Amino acid sequence: MSSEFRRQPARLRHTGQVGADIVSRLDGKVSVVTGATSGIGRGIAEHFASLGSHVLVHGRNRIDGLETVRRVQAAGRDAEYFDGDLTNEDVSRSLIRFAAERFGGLDVLVNNAADTGRGDLEHTPVARWDTILAVNLRAPFILLQEAIPHFRARGGGSVVNIGSILAYVGEPKLGAYSVSKGGLMTFTRNAASLLNRDRIRVNQINVGWTLTEGERVVKREQEGKGDDWVEEAVATRPFGRLLAPADIAYAAAYFASSESECVTGSVLDLEQYPPGALANS
């Protein structure tokens, strides 16, 4: 344990403040966070701002997007909102161009936006499949492709892909989503292998069960769960809670910062059960 850590008051060791002060500074960096109008994306945008990053907030709900902008600005950083459907190639490319022009460059791209539509492989319509893969896999490819010259101009950059623990097999009810996240994992490693020569790093966080506004809506409206589903879900978790957006934000900040400057092509499984492990009986 470092002497610097030992000097921190105990109350700070468990609040994330140590991370803010020591571990992952993003001072002056420019970050694009897709799907940042709520949930994980908003959590990442807020945390990045607390570490010093300016943020281009992307989403499809202007009111919620402007709320994220307000929170970033409240942390003393510059922010802008960009509205658009990432299934449209022109929108994806324009998003990156706008960020680079608005903030004078680009340092970090967080591919967080995702379509979590339900459906098994037997019954999912082809059009639905195409949309899910367009958002979850095709858009990150286009965004990265457009971002590369801007990263090169800065002498490097960091891409953080937000995947899912379902990338390994996935639940039958999330067929297309699971496949898209498995593809994203290969995309992450392939891009990392190509771009390390330019000091552009590409890493992925495979997220486990996280309590967000979107998850609440899906459980209620798409799966017909009652109000007690959260309590039932927590009872299955060994650490006594579901993940929170902050958990993912802390990991994303590490990958985005210079503290991980030699880390690329890595996939972090951020979950309370290791992939393939059986739940505790």
C-alpha atoms as a PDB file:
ATOM      1  CA  MET A   1       0.000   0.000   0.000  1.00  0.00           C
ATOM      2  CA  SER A   2       1.456   3.363  -0.979  1.00  0.00           C
ATOM      3  CA  SER A   3       2.212   5.974   1.683  1.00  0.00           C
ATOM      4  CA  GLU A   4       0.051   8.389  -0.327  1.00  0.00           C
ATOM      5  CA  PHE A   5      -2.948   6.100   0.100  1.00  0.00           C
ATOM      6  CA  ARG A   6      -2.249   5.543   3.806  1.00  0.00           C
ATOM      7  CA  ARG A   7      -2.269   9.297   4.400  1.00  0.00           C
ATOM      8  CA  GLN A   8      -5.826   9.574   3.074  1.00  0.00           C
ATOM      9  CA  PRO A   9      -8.507   9.833   5.783  1.00  0.00           C
ATOM     10  CA  ALA A  10     -10.434   6.605   6.135  1.00  0.00           C
ATOM     11  CA  ARG A  11     -13.668   8.334   5.147  1.00  0.00           C
ATOM     12  CA  LEU A  12     -12.176   9.092   1.693  1.00  0.00           C
ATOM     13  CA  ARG A  13     -10.939   5.586   1.031  1.00  0.00           C
ATOM     14  CA  HIS A  14     -14.471   4.334   0.543  1.00  0.00           C
ATOM     15  CA  THR A  15     -16.082   7.234  -1.328  1.00  0.00           C
ATOM     16  CA  GLY A  16     -14.192   7.233  -4.603  1.00  0.00           C
ATOM     17  CA  GLN A  17     -12.465  10.484  -3.656  1.00  0.00           C
ATOM     18  CA  VAL A  18      -9.090   8.755  -3.699  1.00  0.00           C
ATOM     19  CA  GLY A  19      -9.782   7.830  -7.321  1.00  0.00           C
ATOM     20  CA  ALA A  20     -10.676  11.418  -8.112  1.00  0.00           C
ATOM     21  CA  ASP A  21      -7.543  12.846  -6.504  1.00  0.00           C
ATOM     22  CA  ILE A  22      -4.943  10.239  -7.376  1.00  0.00           C
ATOM     23  CA  VAL A  23      -5.881   7.480  -9.743  1.00  0.00           C
ATOM     24  CA  SER A  24      -7.539   8.753 -12.903  1.00  0.00           C
ATOM     25  CA  ARG A  25      -7.108  12.394 -13.777  1.00  0.00           C
ATOM     26  CA  LEU A  26      -8.595  13.533 -17.071  1.00  0.00           C
ATOM     27  CA  ASP A  27      -7.692  17.208 -16.830  1.00  0.00           C
ATOM     28  CA  GLY A  28      -8.356  19.091 -20.063  1.00  0.00           C
ATOM     29  CA  LYS A  29      -9.245  16.001 -22.080  1.00  0.00           C
ATOM     30  CA  VAL A  30     -12.170  15.942 -24.484  1.00  0.00           C
ATOM     31  CA  SER A  31     -14.479  12.936 -24.241  1.00  0.00           C
ATOM     32  CA  VAL A  32     -17.386  11.765 -26.359  1.00  0.00           C
ATOM     33  CA  VAL A  33     -19.867   9.599 -24.461  1.00  0.00           C
ATOM     34  CA  THR A  34     -22.660   8.034 -26.508  1.00  0.00           C
ATOM     35  CA  GLY A  35     -25.964   7.163 -24.883  1.00  0.00           C
ATOM     36  CA  ALA A  36     -25.267   9.628 -22.077  1.00  0.00           C
ATOM     37  CA  THR A  37     -28.783  10.880 -21.380  1.00  0.00           C
ATOM     38  CA  SER A  38     -29.231   8.525 -18.426  1.00  0.00           C
ATOM     39  CA  GLY A  39     -27.898   5.455 -16.664  1.00  0.00           C
ATOM     40  CA  ILE A  40     -24.362   4.258 -17.309  1.00  0.00           C
ATOM     41  CA  GLY A  41     -23.636   6.895 -19.938  1.00  0.00           C
ATOM     42  CA  ARG A  42     -24.706   9.747 -17.682  1.00  0.00           C
ATOM     43  CA  GLY A  43     -22.716   8.260 -14.826  1.00  0.00           C
ATOM     44  CA  ILE A  44     -19.594   8.152 -16.999  1.00  0.00           C
ATOM     45  CA  ALA A  45     -20.110  11.715 -18.236  1.00  0.00           C
ATOM     46  CA  GLU A  46     -20.524  13.047 -14.691  1.00  0.00           C
ATOM     47  CA  HIS A  47     -17.520  11.145 -13.357  1.00  0.00           C
ATOM     48  CA  PHE A  48     -15.302  12.184 -16.256  1.00  0.00           C
ATOM     49  CA  ALA A  49     -16.270  15.800 -15.615  1.00  0.00           C
ATOM     50  CA  SER A  50     -15.337  15.423 -11.954  1.00  0.00           C
ATOM     51  CA  LEU A  51     -11.897  14.277 -13.132  1.00  0.00           C
ATOM     52  CA  GLY A  52     -11.433  17.264 -15.429  1.00  0.00           C
ATOM     53  CA  SER A  53     -12.775  16.201 -18.826  1.00  0.00           C
ATOM     54  CA  HIS A  54     -14.958  18.238 -21.146  1.00  0.00           C
ATOM     55  CA  VAL A  55     -17.775  16.072 -22.511  1.00  0.00           C
ATOM     56  CA  LEU A  56     -19.771  15.783 -25.704  1.00  0.00           C
ATOM     57  CA  VAL A  57     -23.024  14.214 -24.529  1.00  0.00           C
ATOM     58  CA  HIS A  58     -24.812  12.121 -27.146  1.00  0.00           C
ATOM     59  CA  GLY A  59     -28.327  10.754 -26.962  1.00  0.00           C
ATOM     60  CA  ARG A  60     -31.821  10.740 -28.423  1.00  0.00           C
ATOM     61  CA  ASN A  61     -33.719  12.565 -25.689  1.00  0.00           C
ATOM     62  CA  ARG A  62     -32.865  16.247 -25.719  1.00  0.00           C
ATOM     63  CA  ILE A  63     -34.386  17.060 -22.340  1.00  0.00           C
ATOM     64  CA  ASP A  64     -32.433  14.302 -20.585  1.00  0.00           C
ATOM     65  CA  GLY A  65     -29.333  15.107 -22.614  1.00  0.00           C
ATOM     66  CA  LEU A  66     -29.394  18.731 -21.538  1.00  0.00           C
ATOM     67  CA  GLU A  67     -29.712  17.579 -17.928  1.00  0.00           C
ATOM     68  CA  THR A  68     -26.483  15.608 -18.337  1.00  0.00           C
ATOM     69  CA  VAL A  69     -24.884  18.700 -19.874  1.00  0.00           C
ATOM     70  CA  ARG A  70     -26.013  20.722 -16.870  1.00  0.00           C
ATOM     71  CA  ARG A  71     -24.418  18.222 -14.494  1.00  0.00           C
ATOM     72  CA  VAL A  72     -21.126  18.270 -16.400  1.00  0.00           C
ATOM     73  CA  GLN A  73     -21.113  22.058 -16.372  1.00  0.00           C
ATOM     74  CA  ALA A  74     -21.906  22.054 -12.649  1.00  0.00           C
ATOM     75  CA  ALA A  75     -18.620  20.201 -12.193  1.00  0.00           C
ATOM     76  CA  GLY A  76     -16.880  23.129 -13.883  1.00  0.00           C
ATOM     77  CA  ARG A  77     -16.326  21.541 -17.291  1.00  0.00           C
ATOM     78  CA  ASP A  78     -17.548  22.429 -20.759  1.00  0.00           C
ATOM     79  CA  ALA A  79     -20.240  20.287 -22.353  1.00  0.00           C
ATOM     80  CA  GLU A  80     -22.479  20.131 -25.382  1.00  0.00           C
ATOM     81  CA  TYR A  81     -25.360  17.925 -26.420  1.00  0.00           C
ATOM     82  CA  PHE A  82     -25.558  16.116 -29.758  1.00  0.00           C
ATOM     83  CA  ASP A  83     -28.827  14.443 -30.709  1.00  0.00           C
ATOM     84  CA  GLY A  84     -28.939  11.662 -33.249  1.00  0.00           C
ATOM     85  CA  ASP A  85     -29.705   8.106 -34.320  1.00  0.00           C
ATOM     86  CA  LEU A  86     -26.465   6.106 -34.520  1.00  0.00           C
ATOM     87  CA  THR A  87     -27.940   3.687 -37.050  1.00  0.00           C
ATOM     88  CA  ASN A  88     -27.393   6.549 -39.510  1.00  0.00           C
ATOM     89  CA  GLU A  89     -23.772   6.613 -40.706  1.00  0.00           C
ATOM     90  CA  ASP A  90     -23.846  10.366 -41.351  1.00  0.00           C
ATOM     91  CA  VAL A  91     -25.018  11.018 -37.792  1.00  0.00           C
ATOM     92  CA  SER A  92     -22.204   8.924 -36.323  1.00  0.00           C
ATOM     93  CA  ARG A  93     -19.544  10.665 -38.389  1.00  0.00           C
ATOM     94  CA  SER A  94     -21.012  14.098 -37.743  1.00  0.00           C
ATOM     95  CA  LEU A  95     -20.982  13.453 -34.007  1.00  0.00           C
ATOM     96  CA  ILE A  96     -17.206  12.968 -33.992  1.00  0.00           C
ATOM     97  CA  ARG A  97     -16.575  15.920 -36.307  1.00  0.00           C
ATOM     98  CA  PHE A  98     -18.757  18.164 -34.179  1.00  0.00           C
ATOM     99  CA  ALA A  99     -16.938  17.169 -30.988  1.00  0.00           C
ATOM    100  CA  ALA A 100     -13.509  17.810 -32.487  1.00  0.00           C
ATOM    101  CA  GLU A 101     -14.561  21.181 -33.878  1.00  0.00           C
ATOM    102  CA  ARG A 102     -16.484  22.287 -30.791  1.00  0.00           C
ATOM    103  CA  PHE A 103     -13.749  21.402 -28.290  1.00  0.00           C
ATOM    104  CA  GLY A 104     -10.658  21.691 -30.473  1.00  0.00           C
ATOM    105  CA  GLY A 105      -9.771  18.021 -30.529  1.00  0.00           C
ATOM    106  CA  LEU A 106     -10.673  14.588 -29.210  1.00  0.00           C
ATOM    107  CA  ASP A 107      -9.002  12.353 -26.608  1.00  0.00           C
ATOM    108  CA  VAL A 108     -11.561   9.773 -25.480  1.00  0.00           C
ATOM    109  CA  LEU A 109     -14.445   7.928 -27.113  1.00  0.00           C
ATOM    110  CA  VAL A 110     -16.821   5.943 -24.924  1.00  0.00           C
ATOM    111  CA  ASN A 111     -19.103   3.693 -26.980  1.00  0.00           C
ATOM    112  CA  ASN A 112     -21.914   3.240 -24.481  1.00  0.00           C
ATOM    113  CA  ALA A 113     -25.124   3.614 -26.528  1.00  0.00           C
ATOM    114  CA  ALA A 114     -26.907   0.296 -26.945  1.00  0.00           C
ATOM    115  CA  ASP A 115     -30.160  -1.245 -28.050  1.00  0.00           C
ATOM    116  CA  THR A 116     -31.155  -3.810 -25.419  1.00  0.00           C
ATOM    117  CA  GLY A 117     -34.217  -5.094 -27.251  1.00  0.00           C
ATOM    118  CA  ARG A 118     -35.536  -8.485 -26.180  1.00  0.00           C
ATOM    119  CA  GLY A 119     -35.989 -11.466 -28.453  1.00  0.00           C
ATOM    120  CA  ASP A 120     -34.571 -14.961 -28.922  1.00  0.00           C
ATOM    121  CA  LEU A 121     -32.796 -16.108 -32.074  1.00  0.00           C
ATOM    122  CA  GLU A 122     -35.777 -18.138 -33.280  1.00  0.00           C
ATOM    123  CA  HIS A 123     -38.284 -15.299 -33.222  1.00  0.00           C
ATOM    124  CA  THR A 124     -36.338 -12.049 -33.644  1.00  0.00           C
ATOM    125  CA  PRO A 125     -37.333 -10.357 -36.946  1.00  0.00           C
ATOM    126  CA  VAL A 126     -34.444  -9.668 -39.300  1.00  0.00           C
ATOM    127  CA  ALA A 127     -35.162  -5.934 -39.240  1.00  0.00           C
ATOM    128  CA  ARG A 128     -34.942  -5.956 -35.423  1.00  0.00           C
ATOM    129  CA  TRP A 129     -31.671  -7.894 -35.577  1.00  0.00           C
ATOM    130  CA  ASP A 130     -30.264  -5.369 -38.036  1.00  0.00           C
ATOM    131  CA  THR A 131     -31.170  -2.416 -35.813  1.00  0.00           C
ATOM    132  CA  ILE A 132     -29.632  -3.925 -32.685  1.00  0.00           C
ATOM    133  CA  LEU A 133     -26.373  -4.740 -34.445  1.00  0.00           C
ATOM    134  CA  ALA A 134     -26.348  -1.347 -36.148  1.00  0.00           C
ATOM    135  CA  VAL A 135     -26.437   0.460 -32.807  1.00  0.00           C
ATOM    136  CA  ASN A 136     -24.316  -1.929 -30.756  1.00  0.00           C
ATOM    137  CA  LEU A 137     -21.619  -2.949 -33.244  1.00  0.00           C
ATOM    138  CA  ARG A 138     -21.754  -1.003 -36.513  1.00  0.00           C
ATOM    139  CA  ALA A 139     -21.919   2.434 -34.857  1.00  0.00           C
ATOM    140  CA  PRO A 140     -18.822   1.864 -32.661  1.00  0.00           C
ATOM    141  CA  PHE A 141     -16.935   0.879 -35.823  1.00  0.00           C
ATOM    142  CA  ILE A 142     -18.004   4.050 -37.659  1.00  0.00           C
ATOM    143  CA  LEU A 143     -17.328   6.274 -34.648  1.00  0.00           C
ATOM    144  CA  LEU A 144     -13.858   4.795 -34.174  1.00  0.00           C
ATOM    145  CA  GLN A 145     -13.059   5.100 -37.864  1.00  0.00           C
ATOM    146  CA  GLU A 146     -14.005   8.772 -37.812  1.00  0.00           C
ATOM    147  CA  ALA A 147     -12.142   9.408 -34.549  1.00  0.00           C
ATOM    148  CA  ILE A 148      -8.786   7.926 -35.596  1.00  0.00           C
ATOM    149  CA  PRO A 149      -7.366  11.028 -37.357  1.00  0.00           C
ATOM    150  CA  HIS A 150      -8.391  13.230 -34.428  1.00  0.00           C
ATOM    151  CA  PHE A 151      -6.653  10.881 -31.988  1.00  0.00           C
ATOM    152  CA  ARG A 152      -3.542  10.856 -34.167  1.00  0.00           C
ATOM    153  CA  ALA A 153      -3.498  14.643 -34.125  1.00  0.00           C
ATOM    154  CA  ARG A 154      -3.314  14.487 -30.306  1.00  0.00           C
ATOM    155  CA  GLY A 155      -0.553  11.858 -30.320  1.00  0.00           C
ATOM    156  CA  GLY A 156      -2.915   9.113 -29.159  1.00  0.00           C
ATOM    157  CA  GLY A 157      -6.292   8.473 -27.630  1.00  0.00           C
ATOM    158  CA  SER A 158      -8.469   6.031 -25.749  1.00  0.00           C
ATOM    159  CA  VAL A 159     -11.591   4.141 -26.774  1.00  0.00           C
ATOM    160  CA  VAL A 160     -13.699   2.513 -24.070  1.00  0.00           C
ATOM    161  CA  ASN A 161     -16.331   0.113 -25.373  1.00  0.00           C
ATOM    162  CA  ILE A 162     -19.137  -0.707 -22.958  1.00  0.00           C
ATOM    163  CA  GLY A 163     -19.942  -4.342 -23.487  1.00  0.00           C
ATOM    164  CA  SER A 164     -21.853  -6.883 -21.468  1.00  0.00           C
ATOM    165  CA  ILE A 165     -21.173 -10.035 -19.526  1.00  0.00           C
ATOM    166  CA  LEU A 166     -23.716 -11.560 -21.924  1.00  0.00           C
ATOM    167  CA  ALA A 167     -21.040 -11.412 -24.645  1.00  0.00           C
ATOM    168  CA  TYR A 168     -19.887 -14.923 -23.725  1.00  0.00           C
ATOM    169  CA  VAL A 169     -23.188 -16.738 -24.254  1.00  0.00           C
ATOM    170  CA  GLY A 170     -26.034 -14.524 -23.139  1.00  0.00           C
ATOM    171  CA  GLU A 171     -29.593 -15.117 -22.104  1.00  0.00           C
ATOM    172  CA  PRO A 172     -31.889 -16.674 -24.734  1.00  0.00           C
ATOM    173  CA  LYS A 173     -34.229 -13.664 -24.432  1.00  0.00           C
ATOM    174  CA  LEU A 174     -31.348 -11.374 -25.443  1.00  0.00           C
ATOM    175  CA  GLY A 175     -30.090 -13.151 -28.541  1.00  0.00           C
ATOM    176  CA  ALA A 176     -29.184 -10.294 -30.872  1.00  0.00           C
ATOM    177  CA  TYR A 177     -27.918  -8.139 -28.013  1.00  0.00           C
ATOM    178  CA  SER A 178     -25.629 -10.899 -26.745  1.00  0.00           C
ATOM    179  CA  VAL A 179     -24.247 -11.563 -30.221  1.00  0.00           C
ATOM    180  CA  SER A 180     -23.589  -7.857 -30.744  1.00  0.00           C
ATOM    181  CA  LYS A 181     -21.583  -7.642 -27.524  1.00  0.00           C
ATOM    182  CA  GLY A 182     -19.571 -10.719 -28.431  1.00  0.00           C
ATOM    183  CA  GLY A 183     -18.772  -9.080 -31.744  1.00  0.00           C
ATOM    184  CA  LEU A 184     -17.824  -5.880 -29.925  1.00  0.00           C
ATOM    185  CA  MET A 185     -15.278  -7.846 -27.905  1.00  0.00           C
ATOM    186  CA  THR A 186     -13.526  -9.086 -31.050  1.00  0.00           C
ATOM    187  CA  PHE A 187     -13.770  -5.599 -32.538  1.00  0.00           C
ATOM    188  CA  THR A 188     -12.076  -4.199 -29.417  1.00  0.00           C
ATOM    189  CA  ARG A 189      -9.123  -6.549 -29.643  1.00  0.00           C
ATOM    190  CA  ASN A 190      -8.748  -6.232 -33.404  1.00  0.00           C
ATOM    191  CA  ALA A 191      -8.789  -2.436 -33.233  1.00  0.00           C
ATOM    192  CA  ALA A 192      -6.300  -2.466 -30.370  1.00  0.00           C
ATOM    193  CA  SER A 193      -3.930  -4.602 -32.419  1.00  0.00           C
ATOM    194  CA  LEU A 194      -4.136  -2.196 -35.349  1.00  0.00           C
ATOM    195  CA  LEU A 195      -3.967   1.106 -33.517  1.00  0.00           C
ATOM    196  CA  ASN A 196      -1.307   0.540 -30.852  1.00  0.00           C
ATOM    197  CA  ARG A 197       1.251   1.893 -33.348  1.00  0.00           C
ATOM    198  CA  ASP A 198      -0.543   5.255 -33.054  1.00  0.00           C
ATOM    199  CA  ARG A 199      -0.789   5.083 -29.252  1.00  0.00           C
ATOM    200  CA  ILE A 200      -4.552   4.703 -29.614  1.00  0.00           C
ATOM    201  CA  ARG A 201      -5.811   2.274 -27.006  1.00  0.00           C
ATOM    202  CA  VAL A 202      -9.045   0.289 -27.239  1.00  0.00           C
ATOM    203  CA  ASN A 203     -10.460  -1.549 -24.225  1.00  0.00           C
ATOM    204  CA  GLN A 204     -13.820  -2.967 -23.201  1.00  0.00           C
ATOM    205  CA  ILE A 205     -15.845  -3.271 -20.009  1.00  0.00           C
ATOM    206  CA  ASN A 206     -18.252  -6.198 -19.934  1.00  0.00           C
ATOM    207  CA  VAL A 207     -20.906  -4.951 -17.556  1.00  0.00           C
ATOM    208  CA  GLY A 208     -23.011  -7.157 -15.333  1.00  0.00           C
ATOM    209  CA  TRP A 209     -26.494  -6.529 -13.984  1.00  0.00           C
ATOM    210  CA  THR A 210     -26.746  -2.782 -13.385  1.00  0.00           C
ATOM    211  CA  LEU A 211     -29.615  -0.833 -11.873  1.00  0.00           C
ATOM    212  CA  THR A 212     -30.458   2.068 -14.193  1.00  0.00           C
ATOM    213  CA  GLU A 213     -33.555   3.969 -15.238  1.00  0.00           C
ATOM    214  CA  GLY A 214     -33.580   2.000 -18.471  1.00  0.00           C
ATOM    215  CA  GLU A 215     -33.426  -1.327 -16.648  1.00  0.00           C
ATOM    216  CA  ARG A 216     -36.414  -0.346 -14.564  1.00  0.00           C
ATOM    217  CA  VAL A 217     -38.410   0.490 -17.692  1.00  0.00           C
ATOM    218  CA  VAL A 218     -37.452  -2.737 -19.460  1.00  0.00           C
ATOM    219  CA  LYS A 219     -38.329  -4.917 -16.483  1.00  0.00           C
ATOM    220  CA  ARG A 220     -41.683  -3.217 -16.049  1.00  0.00           C
ATOM    221  CA  GLU A 221     -42.778  -2.671 -19.654  1.00  0.00           C
ATOM    222  CA  GLN A 222     -41.069  -5.432 -21.656  1.00  0.00           C
ATOM    223  CA  GLU A 223     -40.856  -8.220 -19.080  1.00  0.00           C
ATOM    224  CA  GLY A 224     -43.949  -7.408 -17.014  1.00  0.00           C
ATOM    225  CA  LYS A 225     -42.128  -7.528 -13.681  1.00  0.00           C
ATOM    226  CA  GLY A 226     -43.781  -6.209 -10.537  1.00  0.00           C
ATOM    227  CA  ASP A 227     -42.460  -3.507  -8.233  1.00  0.00           C
ATOM    228  CA  ASP A 228     -40.584  -6.048  -6.102  1.00  0.00           C
ATOM    229  CA  TRP A 229     -38.244  -7.191  -8.887  1.00  0.00           C
ATOM    230  CA  VAL A 230     -35.330  -5.106  -7.557  1.00  0.00           C
ATOM    231  CA  GLU A 231     -35.537  -6.707  -4.118  1.00  0.00           C
ATOM    232  CA  GLU A 232     -35.666 -10.144  -5.722  1.00  0.00           C
ATOM    233  CA  ALA A 233     -32.696  -9.331  -7.943  1.00  0.00           C
ATOM    234  CA  VAL A 234     -30.581  -8.027  -5.061  1.00  0.00           C
ATOM    235  CA  ALA A 235     -31.203 -11.271  -3.177  1.00  0.00           C
ATOM    236  CA  THR A 236     -29.275 -13.114  -5.920  1.00  0.00           C
ATOM    237  CA  ARG A 237     -26.194 -10.855  -5.704  1.00  0.00           C
ATOM    238  CA  PRO A 238     -23.315 -11.930  -3.428  1.00  0.00           C
ATOM    239  CA  PHE A 239     -22.358  -8.318  -2.581  1.00  0.00           C
ATOM    240  CA  GLY A 240     -25.897  -7.361  -1.629  1.00  0.00           C
ATOM    241  CA  ARG A 241     -26.718  -4.966  -4.464  1.00  0.00           C
ATOM    242  CA  LEU A 242     -26.863  -4.606  -8.218  1.00  0.00           C
ATOM    243  CA  LEU A 243     -24.092  -2.672  -9.920  1.00  0.00           C
ATOM    244  CA  ALA A 244     -24.546   1.097 -10.160  1.00  0.00           C
ATOM    245  CA  PRO A 245     -23.504   3.426 -12.999  1.00  0.00           C
ATOM    246  CA  ALA A 246     -20.697   4.707 -10.770  1.00  0.00           C
ATOM    247  CA  ASP A 247     -19.095   1.244 -10.739  1.00  0.00           C
ATOM    248  CA  ILE A 248     -18.755   1.316 -14.505  1.00  0.00           C
ATOM    249  CA  ALA A 249     -17.692   4.974 -14.507  1.00  0.00           C
ATOM    250  CA  TYR A 250     -14.728   4.256 -12.231  1.00  0.00           C
ATOM    251  CA  ALA A 251     -13.497   1.506 -14.545  1.00  0.00           C
ATOM    252  CA  ALA A 252     -14.049   3.631 -17.653  1.00  0.00           C
ATOM    253  CA  ALA A 253     -12.007   6.449 -16.109  1.00  0.00           C
ATOM    254  CA  TYR A 254      -9.070   4.104 -15.605  1.00  0.00           C
ATOM    255  CA  PHE A 255      -9.119   3.011 -19.247  1.00  0.00           C
ATOM    256  CA  ALA A 256      -9.540   6.611 -20.408  1.00  0.00           C
ATOM    257  CA  SER A 257      -6.675   8.005 -18.355  1.00  0.00           C
ATOM    258  CA  SER A 258      -2.907   7.912 -18.738  1.00  0.00           C
ATOM    259  CA  GLU A 259      -2.690   5.558 -15.745  1.00  0.00           C
ATOM    260  CA  SER A 260      -3.557   2.767 -18.204  1.00  0.00           C
ATOM    261  CA  GLU A 261      -1.306   4.088 -20.992  1.00  0.00           C
ATOM    262  CA  CYS A 262       0.148   0.622 -21.760  1.00  0.00           C
ATOM    263  CA  VAL A 263      -3.161  -1.235 -21.506  1.00  0.00           C
ATOM    264  CA  THR A 264      -4.936  -2.024 -24.764  1.00  0.00           C
ATOM    265  CA  GLY A 265      -7.073  -4.854 -26.059  1.00  0.00           C
ATOM    266  CA  SER A 266      -8.180  -5.683 -22.530  1.00  0.00           C
ATOM    267  CA  VAL A 267     -11.668  -6.823 -21.569  1.00  0.00           C
ATOM    268  CA  LEU A 268     -12.728  -6.244 -17.975  1.00  0.00           C
ATOM    269  CA  ASP A 269     -15.596  -8.406 -16.754  1.00  0.00           C
ATOM    270  CA  LEU A 270     -17.256  -6.123 -14.229  1.00  0.00           C
ATOM    271  CA  GLU A 271     -19.630  -8.536 -12.554  1.00  0.00           C
ATOM    272  CA  GLN A 272     -20.212 -10.239  -9.204  1.00  0.00           C
ATOM    273  CA  TYR A 273     -20.114 -13.728 -10.738  1.00  0.00           C
ATOM    274  CA  PRO A 274     -17.149 -14.627 -13.002  1.00  0.00           C
ATOM    275  CA  PRO A 275     -18.218 -15.751 -16.500  1.00  0.00           C
ATOM    276  CA  GLY A 276     -19.303 -19.366 -16.375  1.00  0.00           C
ATOM    277  CA  ALA A 277     -19.543 -19.493 -12.574  1.00  0.00           C
ATOM    278  CA  LEU A 278     -22.669 -20.863 -10.991  1.00  0.00           C
ATOM    279  CA  ALA A 279     -24.582 -18.712  -8.562  1.00  0.00           C
ATOM    280  CA  ASN A 280     -23.811 -19.434  -4.908  1.00  0.00           C
ATOM    281  CA  SER A 281     -26.240 -21.993  -3.539  1.00  0.00           C
END
